[in-house]
Each structure stands twice: as structure tokens, then as C-alpha cells.
Amino acid sequence: RAAEAAGARVLGTHFHHFGAGAGVTGVVMLSESHISIHSWPEHRYAALDIFMCGAARPELALERLRARLAPESVRVTTVERG
């Protein structure tokens, strides 16, 4: 849903859950690149990578993910590529 909010096209997904109460690692493959997540609930931490090109708007994906995950704090690093 975050990818669609950004105007990106989803090509596929793959997620691995490490068990009850444990983390998840996953990737959403996009025609514009990818969104990935790695989480460590025992540390109350998740790292996300939102990498998009073209007309996609990664800030809209971030907004949707923030609303869904409801983190206590967020640190965003923006890297301009190309």
C-alpha cells in the first residue's frame, strides 16, 4: 500500500518472519526500484529503505509507513541519486 501511495508499481514481494515476537526482513520490488524493511522488535527498532526513481514520490510511501507502524521516533536520511 505504501508503494501505491507513492505512485509506484509493485512487481513482487518477499518477506521472512523469524517467529513469534521476532523480527521480519522483507522487500517490495518495484518497477521504480524497491522498499525494504528489517526489524528487531527486541530492540524496538526497524530500518527501512525506500528507493524510487522517476515520477514516484517516496515521501508519500514514508507517510503511509509512518501511519501504519506508528513509531516513537523517525530518523530520515535522504540520498539524491543520479
Protein backbone atom coordinates (compact mmCIF):
# COMPACT_ATOMS: atom_id res chain seq x y z
CA ARG A 1 0.00 0.00 0.00
CA ALA A 2 2.89 2.37 0.67
CA ALA A 3 4.24 1.78 -2.83
CA GLU A 4 0.89 2.51 -4.43
CA ALA A 5 0.54 5.67 -2.33
CA ALA A 6 3.84 6.83 -3.85
CA GLY A 7 2.66 6.10 -7.37
CA ALA A 8 5.00 3.11 -7.79
CA ARG A 9 4.20 -0.22 -9.45
CA VAL A 10 4.73 -3.38 -7.38
CA LEU A 11 6.41 -6.24 -9.25
CA GLY A 12 6.58 -8.68 -6.33
CA THR A 13 7.21 -9.12 -2.61
CA HIS A 14 9.17 -11.44 -0.35
CA PHE A 15 9.06 -11.40 3.46
CA HIS A 16 10.63 -13.69 6.03
CA HIS A 17 9.20 -13.75 9.57
CA PHE A 18 11.63 -15.03 12.19
CA GLY A 19 8.90 -16.35 14.50
CA ALA A 20 6.53 -15.10 17.19
CA GLY A 21 7.86 -11.92 18.77
CA ALA A 22 10.87 -11.90 16.44
CA GLY A 23 11.66 -9.64 13.52
CA VAL A 24 10.90 -9.59 9.84
CA THR A 25 13.01 -8.97 6.76
CA GLY A 26 11.26 -8.12 3.55
CA VAL A 27 11.40 -6.43 0.21
CA VAL A 28 8.80 -4.99 -2.13
CA MET A 29 10.23 -4.99 -5.64
CA LEU A 30 9.08 -2.04 -7.71
CA SER A 31 9.43 -1.13 -11.34
CA GLU A 32 10.91 2.10 -9.87
CA SER A 33 13.29 0.15 -7.50
CA HIS A 34 12.36 -1.20 -4.02
CA ILE A 35 11.17 -0.76 -0.44
CA SER A 36 12.84 -2.95 2.18
CA ILE A 37 12.44 -3.46 5.92
CA HIS A 38 14.49 -5.19 8.60
CA SER A 39 13.09 -5.21 12.13
CA TRP A 40 14.39 -6.08 15.59
CA PRO A 41 11.41 -5.89 17.96
CA GLU A 42 13.57 -6.90 20.91
CA HIS A 43 15.40 -3.58 20.38
CA ARG A 44 12.23 -1.70 19.33
CA TYR A 45 13.95 -0.85 16.05
CA ALA A 46 13.20 -1.14 12.34
CA ALA A 47 15.25 0.03 9.36
CA LEU A 48 13.50 0.83 6.09
CA ASP A 49 14.91 1.70 2.69
CA ILE A 50 12.61 3.47 0.25
CA PHE A 51 14.44 3.72 -3.05
CA MET A 52 12.49 5.11 -6.01
CA CYS A 53 13.13 6.87 -9.28
CA GLY A 54 11.07 8.51 -11.99
CA ALA A 55 7.75 10.11 -11.08
CA ALA A 56 7.30 8.02 -7.89
CA ARG A 57 7.11 10.05 -4.67
CA PRO A 58 8.94 8.21 -1.86
CA GLU A 59 7.82 10.78 0.73
CA LEU A 60 4.25 9.52 0.27
CA ALA A 61 5.37 5.94 0.91
CA LEU A 62 7.14 7.11 4.07
CA GLU A 63 4.00 8.93 5.22
CA ARG A 64 1.92 5.75 4.77
CA LEU A 65 4.50 3.58 6.58
CA ARG A 66 4.74 6.03 9.49
CA ALA A 67 0.96 5.96 9.89
CA ARG A 68 0.88 2.14 9.79
CA LEU A 69 3.89 1.42 12.03
CA ALA A 70 3.35 4.35 14.47
CA PRO A 71 7.00 4.62 15.57
CA GLU A 72 8.02 6.62 18.64
CA SER A 73 10.63 8.43 16.56
CA VAL A 74 11.86 8.56 12.98
CA ARG A 75 15.22 9.48 11.51
CA VAL A 76 15.20 10.12 7.76
CA THR A 77 18.28 10.28 5.58
CA THR A 78 17.69 11.38 2.00
CA VAL A 79 20.23 10.48 -0.66
CA GLU A 80 19.85 12.11 -4.06
CA ARG A 81 20.99 9.71 -6.77
CA GLY A 82 21.65 10.26 -10.45
